[in-house]
Amino acid sequence: MGAYRGGMTERLEIEPSDELIADVFARGCDSRNALEDIAGKWGILALVALDEGAYRFNALRRRVDGVSEKMLAQTLQTLERDGMVSRDVQATIPPRVEYSLTPLGKQVADRLRGLIDLLEGHLPTVLAAQAAYDAKKQG
């Protein structure tokens, strides 16, 4: 992408200072939007479930217990738009649609799996902290 001067005939070179620098802490940065898409409850669960392999919609909905059909559809569309999920429509009757991870989606899901494993491994600590906090607040 470059700047144009004098109509569409002369393309200016992009200066290094003009390059996009991603900063998730900057309000207008697109990386923040992508992070929000991934980091929502359903985004995380859908990505990690798809890390297990390709799923048809209803099978994925069963795997991600508690997600509504509408929310899963919106989540998958958003993740597909962000380049994390691939939607494969197979020409059968009725049409068969499978969802899977893109290479980028796989990398993100792997990192999310690490976070989930860490949290699940320390769940007793989390539950104890919650109980102590709640006891302080009540007494």
N, C-alpha and C. Protein backbone atom coordinates (compact mmCIF):
# COMPACT_ATOMS: atom_id res chain seq x y z
N MET A 1 0.85 -1.16 0.00
CA MET A 1 0.00 0.00 0.00
C MET A 1 0.90 1.23 0.00
N GLY A 2 0.70 2.12 -0.89
CA GLY A 2 1.53 3.30 -0.94
C GLY A 2 0.71 4.56 -1.11
N ALA A 3 1.36 5.68 -0.98
CA ALA A 3 0.70 6.96 -1.17
C ALA A 3 0.79 7.33 -2.64
N TYR A 4 -0.19 8.07 -3.11
CA TYR A 4 -0.20 8.47 -4.51
C TYR A 4 -0.11 9.98 -4.61
N ARG A 5 0.61 10.45 -5.64
CA ARG A 5 0.74 11.87 -5.89
C ARG A 5 0.51 12.09 -7.38
N GLY A 6 -0.20 13.15 -7.70
CA GLY A 6 -0.40 13.48 -9.11
C GLY A 6 -1.32 12.50 -9.81
N GLY A 7 -2.41 12.15 -9.17
CA GLY A 7 -3.35 11.19 -9.76
C GLY A 7 -2.89 9.77 -9.52
N MET A 8 -3.23 8.88 -10.44
CA MET A 8 -2.93 7.46 -10.25
C MET A 8 -1.67 7.05 -10.99
N THR A 9 -0.88 7.99 -11.48
CA THR A 9 0.25 7.63 -12.33
C THR A 9 1.54 7.43 -11.57
N GLU A 10 1.75 8.12 -10.48
CA GLU A 10 3.02 8.03 -9.77
C GLU A 10 2.80 7.50 -8.36
N ARG A 11 3.44 6.37 -8.06
CA ARG A 11 3.30 5.75 -6.74
C ARG A 11 4.52 6.13 -5.91
N LEU A 12 4.27 6.63 -4.72
CA LEU A 12 5.36 6.97 -3.82
C LEU A 12 5.72 5.74 -2.99
N GLU A 13 6.97 5.61 -2.66
CA GLU A 13 7.41 4.51 -1.81
C GLU A 13 7.05 4.81 -0.37
N ILE A 14 6.74 3.75 0.36
CA ILE A 14 6.41 3.90 1.77
C ILE A 14 7.71 4.05 2.55
N GLU A 15 7.74 5.04 3.39
CA GLU A 15 8.89 5.24 4.27
C GLU A 15 8.76 4.28 5.44
N PRO A 16 9.87 3.81 6.00
CA PRO A 16 9.79 2.92 7.16
C PRO A 16 8.95 3.50 8.30
N SER A 17 8.96 4.82 8.45
CA SER A 17 8.19 5.44 9.51
C SER A 17 6.68 5.36 9.25
N ASP A 18 6.29 5.07 7.98
CA ASP A 18 4.88 4.97 7.62
C ASP A 18 4.32 3.56 7.81
N GLU A 19 5.18 2.57 8.07
CA GLU A 19 4.72 1.20 8.21
C GLU A 19 3.84 1.05 9.44
N LEU A 20 2.89 0.15 9.33
CA LEU A 20 2.00 -0.14 10.44
C LEU A 20 2.77 -0.84 11.55
N ILE A 21 2.68 -0.30 12.72
CA ILE A 21 3.29 -0.91 13.89
C ILE A 21 2.14 -1.31 14.81
N ALA A 22 1.97 -2.61 15.00
CA ALA A 22 0.87 -3.11 15.82
C ALA A 22 1.16 -2.83 17.29
N ASP A 23 0.16 -2.29 17.97
CA ASP A 23 0.25 -2.02 19.39
C ASP A 23 -1.13 -2.24 19.99
N VAL A 24 -1.32 -3.40 20.62
CA VAL A 24 -2.62 -3.79 21.15
C VAL A 24 -3.13 -2.81 22.20
N PHE A 25 -2.25 -2.03 22.80
CA PHE A 25 -2.66 -1.07 23.81
C PHE A 25 -3.19 0.23 23.20
N ALA A 26 -2.97 0.44 21.90
CA ALA A 26 -3.46 1.64 21.23
C ALA A 26 -4.92 1.44 20.85
N ARG A 27 -5.76 2.37 21.22
CA ARG A 27 -7.20 2.27 21.02
C ARG A 27 -7.59 1.93 19.58
N GLY A 28 -6.97 2.52 18.62
CA GLY A 28 -7.37 2.33 17.23
C GLY A 28 -6.66 1.21 16.49
N CYS A 29 -5.83 0.46 17.17
CA CYS A 29 -5.04 -0.57 16.49
C CYS A 29 -5.90 -1.79 16.17
N ASP A 30 -5.78 -2.26 14.94
CA ASP A 30 -6.54 -3.43 14.50
C ASP A 30 -6.19 -4.69 15.29
N SER A 31 -4.99 -4.74 15.86
CA SER A 31 -4.62 -5.92 16.64
C SER A 31 -5.51 -6.06 17.87
N ARG A 32 -5.98 -4.94 18.41
CA ARG A 32 -6.88 -5.01 19.57
C ARG A 32 -8.20 -5.66 19.18
N ASN A 33 -8.71 -5.31 18.01
CA ASN A 33 -9.96 -5.93 17.55
C ASN A 33 -9.79 -7.43 17.36
N ALA A 34 -8.70 -7.84 16.76
CA ALA A 34 -8.46 -9.27 16.55
C ALA A 34 -8.32 -9.99 17.90
N LEU A 35 -7.64 -9.36 18.84
CA LEU A 35 -7.50 -9.96 20.17
C LEU A 35 -8.85 -10.12 20.85
N GLU A 36 -9.70 -9.11 20.72
CA GLU A 36 -11.04 -9.19 21.31
C GLU A 36 -11.85 -10.32 20.67
N ASP A 37 -11.69 -10.51 19.37
CA ASP A 37 -12.40 -11.59 18.68
C ASP A 37 -11.97 -12.96 19.21
N ILE A 38 -10.68 -13.11 19.42
CA ILE A 38 -10.13 -14.38 19.89
C ILE A 38 -10.42 -14.59 21.37
N ALA A 39 -10.25 -13.54 22.16
CA ALA A 39 -10.25 -13.68 23.62
C ALA A 39 -11.62 -13.74 24.25
N GLY A 40 -12.68 -13.60 23.48
CA GLY A 40 -14.00 -13.79 24.04
C GLY A 40 -14.18 -15.25 24.43
N LYS A 41 -15.09 -15.50 25.34
CA LYS A 41 -15.30 -16.86 25.85
C LYS A 41 -15.51 -17.86 24.70
N TRP A 42 -16.36 -17.53 23.76
CA TRP A 42 -16.68 -18.49 22.69
C TRP A 42 -15.55 -18.59 21.69
N GLY A 43 -14.81 -17.52 21.46
CA GLY A 43 -13.67 -17.57 20.54
C GLY A 43 -12.60 -18.52 21.03
N ILE A 44 -12.26 -18.40 22.30
CA ILE A 44 -11.24 -19.28 22.89
C ILE A 44 -11.68 -20.73 22.79
N LEU A 45 -12.91 -21.00 23.21
CA LEU A 45 -13.38 -22.39 23.23
C LEU A 45 -13.49 -22.97 21.82
N ALA A 46 -13.95 -22.18 20.86
CA ALA A 46 -14.06 -22.66 19.49
C ALA A 46 -12.68 -22.97 18.91
N LEU A 47 -11.73 -22.07 19.12
CA LEU A 47 -10.38 -22.29 18.59
C LEU A 47 -9.73 -23.54 19.20
N VAL A 48 -9.84 -23.71 20.50
CA VAL A 48 -9.20 -24.85 21.14
C VAL A 48 -9.92 -26.15 20.75
N ALA A 49 -11.23 -26.11 20.61
CA ALA A 49 -11.96 -27.30 20.15
C ALA A 49 -11.52 -27.67 18.73
N LEU A 50 -11.40 -26.68 17.85
CA LEU A 50 -10.99 -26.94 16.47
C LEU A 50 -9.55 -27.42 16.39
N ASP A 51 -8.78 -27.16 17.43
CA ASP A 51 -7.41 -27.67 17.47
C ASP A 51 -7.40 -29.20 17.57
N GLU A 52 -8.51 -29.78 17.99
CA GLU A 52 -8.64 -31.23 18.06
C GLU A 52 -8.88 -31.84 16.68
N GLY A 53 -9.31 -31.02 15.73
CA GLY A 53 -9.59 -31.49 14.37
C GLY A 53 -10.78 -30.74 13.80
N ALA A 54 -11.08 -31.03 12.54
CA ALA A 54 -12.20 -30.37 11.86
C ALA A 54 -13.51 -30.82 12.48
N TYR A 55 -14.46 -29.91 12.52
CA TYR A 55 -15.79 -30.18 13.07
C TYR A 55 -16.85 -29.66 12.12
N ARG A 56 -17.95 -30.38 12.05
CA ARG A 56 -19.16 -29.83 11.45
C ARG A 56 -19.80 -28.93 12.51
N PHE A 57 -20.68 -28.04 12.06
CA PHE A 57 -21.24 -27.03 12.96
C PHE A 57 -21.88 -27.63 14.20
N ASN A 58 -22.81 -28.56 14.01
CA ASN A 58 -23.53 -29.10 15.17
C ASN A 58 -22.63 -29.91 16.10
N ALA A 59 -21.64 -30.59 15.54
CA ALA A 59 -20.69 -31.32 16.39
C ALA A 59 -19.85 -30.34 17.20
N LEU A 60 -19.46 -29.24 16.60
CA LEU A 60 -18.70 -28.22 17.32
C LEU A 60 -19.57 -27.59 18.41
N ARG A 61 -20.83 -27.38 18.10
CA ARG A 61 -21.75 -26.81 19.09
C ARG A 61 -21.91 -27.75 20.28
N ARG A 62 -21.95 -29.04 20.03
CA ARG A 62 -22.01 -30.00 21.14
C ARG A 62 -20.71 -29.99 21.94
N ARG A 63 -19.58 -29.84 21.24
CA ARG A 63 -18.28 -29.83 21.91
C ARG A 63 -18.12 -28.61 22.81
N VAL A 64 -18.59 -27.46 22.33
CA VAL A 64 -18.51 -26.21 23.09
C VAL A 64 -19.84 -26.07 23.84
N ASP A 65 -19.96 -26.81 24.89
CA ASP A 65 -21.20 -26.90 25.66
C ASP A 65 -21.64 -25.53 26.14
N GLY A 66 -22.92 -25.20 25.87
CA GLY A 66 -23.49 -23.95 26.37
C GLY A 66 -23.56 -22.83 25.35
N VAL A 67 -22.89 -22.96 24.22
CA VAL A 67 -22.93 -21.91 23.22
C VAL A 67 -24.23 -22.04 22.41
N SER A 68 -24.87 -20.92 22.15
CA SER A 68 -26.08 -20.94 21.32
C SER A 68 -25.68 -21.05 19.85
N GLU A 69 -26.61 -21.48 19.05
CA GLU A 69 -26.37 -21.59 17.61
C GLU A 69 -25.97 -20.24 17.03
N LYS A 70 -26.68 -19.19 17.43
CA LYS A 70 -26.41 -17.84 16.94
C LYS A 70 -25.00 -17.38 17.32
N MET A 71 -24.63 -17.58 18.59
CA MET A 71 -23.31 -17.13 19.04
C MET A 71 -22.19 -17.91 18.37
N LEU A 72 -22.37 -19.22 18.19
CA LEU A 72 -21.34 -20.00 17.52
C LEU A 72 -21.19 -19.56 16.08
N ALA A 73 -22.31 -19.34 15.39
CA ALA A 73 -22.25 -18.88 14.00
C ALA A 73 -21.52 -17.55 13.90
N GLN A 74 -21.84 -16.60 14.78
CA GLN A 74 -21.17 -15.30 14.78
C GLN A 74 -19.69 -15.44 15.09
N THR A 75 -19.37 -16.28 16.06
CA THR A 75 -17.97 -16.48 16.45
C THR A 75 -17.18 -17.07 15.29
N LEU A 76 -17.72 -18.09 14.64
CA LEU A 76 -17.01 -18.71 13.52
C LEU A 76 -16.83 -17.75 12.36
N GLN A 77 -17.84 -16.92 12.08
CA GLN A 77 -17.72 -15.93 11.00
C GLN A 77 -16.62 -14.92 11.33
N THR A 78 -16.59 -14.48 12.57
CA THR A 78 -15.58 -13.51 13.00
C THR A 78 -14.18 -14.12 12.91
N LEU A 79 -14.03 -15.35 13.40
CA LEU A 79 -12.72 -16.01 13.35
C LEU A 79 -12.30 -16.32 11.92
N GLU A 80 -13.25 -16.61 11.05
CA GLU A 80 -12.94 -16.82 9.64
C GLU A 80 -12.47 -15.50 9.02
N ARG A 81 -13.14 -14.41 9.34
CA ARG A 81 -12.76 -13.09 8.82
C ARG A 81 -11.36 -12.70 9.27
N ASP A 82 -11.01 -13.09 10.52
CA ASP A 82 -9.69 -12.78 11.07
C ASP A 82 -8.60 -13.74 10.59
N GLY A 83 -8.97 -14.74 9.79
CA GLY A 83 -7.97 -15.66 9.24
C GLY A 83 -7.59 -16.78 10.19
N MET A 84 -8.41 -17.05 11.18
CA MET A 84 -8.11 -18.11 12.15
C MET A 84 -8.79 -19.43 11.80
N VAL A 85 -9.95 -19.34 11.16
CA VAL A 85 -10.78 -20.51 10.88
C VAL A 85 -11.05 -20.58 9.38
N SER A 86 -11.06 -21.80 8.89
CA SER A 86 -11.39 -22.06 7.49
C SER A 86 -12.73 -22.77 7.43
N ARG A 87 -13.58 -22.34 6.52
CA ARG A 87 -14.91 -22.95 6.33
C ARG A 87 -14.88 -23.68 5.00
N ASP A 88 -15.08 -24.99 5.05
CA ASP A 88 -15.02 -25.82 3.85
C ASP A 88 -16.42 -26.36 3.55
N VAL A 89 -17.00 -25.90 2.43
CA VAL A 89 -18.31 -26.37 2.00
C VAL A 89 -18.10 -27.47 0.98
N GLN A 90 -18.56 -28.68 1.31
CA GLN A 90 -18.40 -29.82 0.42
C GLN A 90 -19.68 -30.00 -0.39
N ALA A 91 -19.51 -30.23 -1.68
CA ALA A 91 -20.64 -30.32 -2.61
C ALA A 91 -21.32 -31.69 -2.51
N THR A 92 -22.05 -31.86 -1.44
CA THR A 92 -22.84 -33.07 -1.26
C THR A 92 -24.29 -32.65 -1.09
N ILE A 93 -25.17 -33.61 -1.08
CA ILE A 93 -26.58 -33.30 -0.83
C ILE A 93 -26.99 -34.01 0.44
N PRO A 94 -27.34 -33.31 1.51
CA PRO A 94 -27.26 -31.85 1.64
C PRO A 94 -25.81 -31.39 1.75
N PRO A 95 -25.56 -30.11 1.50
CA PRO A 95 -24.18 -29.62 1.59
C PRO A 95 -23.60 -29.89 2.98
N ARG A 96 -22.34 -30.26 3.00
CA ARG A 96 -21.64 -30.54 4.26
C ARG A 96 -20.61 -29.43 4.47
N VAL A 97 -20.66 -28.81 5.65
CA VAL A 97 -19.75 -27.72 5.97
C VAL A 97 -18.90 -28.15 7.16
N GLU A 98 -17.59 -28.03 6.99
CA GLU A 98 -16.67 -28.33 8.08
C GLU A 98 -15.82 -27.10 8.37
N TYR A 99 -15.51 -26.95 9.64
CA TYR A 99 -14.66 -25.85 10.10
C TYR A 99 -13.36 -26.44 10.60
N SER A 100 -12.27 -25.76 10.28
CA SER A 100 -10.95 -26.18 10.75
C SER A 100 -10.10 -24.93 10.96
N LEU A 101 -8.95 -25.14 11.55
CA LEU A 101 -8.05 -24.02 11.81
C LEU A 101 -7.13 -23.76 10.62
N THR A 102 -6.84 -22.51 10.40
CA THR A 102 -5.80 -22.13 9.45
C THR A 102 -4.46 -22.30 10.17
N PRO A 103 -3.35 -22.18 9.47
CA PRO A 103 -2.05 -22.24 10.19
C PRO A 103 -1.94 -21.19 11.31
N LEU A 104 -2.43 -19.99 11.06
CA LEU A 104 -2.40 -18.97 12.11
C LEU A 104 -3.33 -19.37 13.26
N GLY A 105 -4.50 -19.87 12.94
CA GLY A 105 -5.44 -20.32 13.97
C GLY A 105 -4.85 -21.42 14.82
N LYS A 106 -4.08 -22.31 14.18
CA LYS A 106 -3.42 -23.40 14.91
C LYS A 106 -2.41 -22.84 15.90
N GLN A 107 -1.63 -21.85 15.48
CA GLN A 107 -0.65 -21.24 16.39
C GLN A 107 -1.35 -20.58 17.58
N VAL A 108 -2.43 -19.87 17.30
CA VAL A 108 -3.17 -19.20 18.37
C VAL A 108 -3.77 -20.24 19.31
N ALA A 109 -4.38 -21.28 18.75
CA ALA A 109 -5.01 -22.32 19.56
C ALA A 109 -3.98 -23.03 20.44
N ASP A 110 -2.79 -23.26 19.92
CA ASP A 110 -1.74 -23.90 20.72
C ASP A 110 -1.40 -23.06 21.95
N ARG A 111 -1.33 -21.77 21.77
CA ARG A 111 -1.02 -20.88 22.91
C ARG A 111 -2.18 -20.83 23.89
N LEU A 112 -3.39 -20.82 23.36
CA LEU A 112 -4.56 -20.83 24.23
C LEU A 112 -4.63 -22.14 25.02
N ARG A 113 -4.28 -23.25 24.37
CA ARG A 113 -4.27 -24.55 25.05
C ARG A 113 -3.29 -24.51 26.21
N GLY A 114 -2.15 -23.88 26.03
CA GLY A 114 -1.19 -23.75 27.13
C GLY A 114 -1.77 -22.97 28.29
N LEU A 115 -2.49 -21.90 27.99
CA LEU A 115 -3.14 -21.11 29.04
C LEU A 115 -4.21 -21.93 29.77
N ILE A 116 -5.00 -22.67 29.01
CA ILE A 116 -6.04 -23.51 29.61
C ILE A 116 -5.41 -24.58 30.49
N ASP A 117 -4.36 -25.22 30.00
CA ASP A 117 -3.68 -26.25 30.80
C ASP A 117 -3.13 -25.67 32.10
N LEU A 118 -2.56 -24.47 32.02
CA LEU A 118 -2.04 -23.81 33.22
C LEU A 118 -3.17 -23.54 34.21
N LEU A 119 -4.26 -22.99 33.72
CA LEU A 119 -5.39 -22.67 34.59
C LEU A 119 -5.99 -23.93 35.20
N GLU A 120 -6.22 -24.96 34.39
CA GLU A 120 -6.80 -26.20 34.91
C GLU A 120 -5.86 -26.85 35.94
N GLY A 121 -4.57 -26.75 35.71
CA GLY A 121 -3.60 -27.32 36.64
C GLY A 121 -3.55 -26.61 37.98
N HIS A 122 -3.97 -25.35 37.99
CA HIS A 122 -3.94 -24.56 39.22
C HIS A 122 -5.34 -24.21 39.72
N LEU A 123 -6.32 -24.97 39.27
CA LEU A 123 -7.70 -24.68 39.66
C LEU A 123 -7.90 -24.73 41.18
N PRO A 124 -7.30 -25.67 41.93
CA PRO A 124 -7.47 -25.63 43.38
C PRO A 124 -6.98 -24.31 44.00
N THR A 125 -5.91 -23.76 43.48
CA THR A 125 -5.39 -22.48 43.97
C THR A 125 -6.38 -21.36 43.67
N VAL A 126 -6.95 -21.37 42.47
CA VAL A 126 -7.94 -20.35 42.09
C VAL A 126 -9.17 -20.45 42.98
N LEU A 127 -9.66 -21.67 43.19
CA LEU A 127 -10.85 -21.86 44.02
C LEU A 127 -10.61 -21.43 45.46
N ALA A 128 -9.43 -21.72 45.98
CA ALA A 128 -9.08 -21.30 47.34
C ALA A 128 -9.02 -19.78 47.43
N ALA A 129 -8.44 -19.14 46.43
CA ALA A 129 -8.36 -17.67 46.41
C ALA A 129 -9.75 -17.07 46.34
N GLN A 130 -10.63 -17.64 45.54
CA GLN A 130 -12.00 -17.14 45.44
C GLN A 130 -12.73 -17.27 46.77
N ALA A 131 -12.57 -18.42 47.42
CA ALA A 131 -13.23 -18.65 48.70
C ALA A 131 -12.72 -17.66 49.76
N ALA A 132 -11.40 -17.42 49.80
CA ALA A 132 -10.84 -16.47 50.76
C ALA A 132 -11.33 -15.06 50.48
N TYR A 133 -11.39 -14.67 49.23
CA TYR A 133 -11.87 -13.34 48.86
C TYR A 133 -13.33 -13.17 49.27
N ASP A 134 -14.15 -14.17 48.93
CA ASP A 134 -15.57 -14.11 49.26
C ASP A 134 -15.80 -14.04 50.77
N ALA A 135 -15.00 -14.79 51.53
CA ALA A 135 -15.12 -14.78 52.99
C ALA A 135 -14.78 -13.41 53.55
N LYS A 136 -13.76 -12.77 53.00
CA LYS A 136 -13.38 -11.41 53.44
C LYS A 136 -14.50 -10.41 53.15
N LYS A 137 -15.08 -10.53 51.97
CA LYS A 137 -16.13 -9.59 51.56
C LYS A 137 -17.40 -9.74 52.40
N GLN A 138 -17.67 -10.94 52.85
CA GLN A 138 -18.89 -11.19 53.64
C GLN A 138 -18.69 -10.88 55.12
N GLY A 139 -17.48 -10.91 55.57
CA GLY A 139 -17.26 -10.74 57.01
C GLY A 139 -16.52 -9.55 57.32
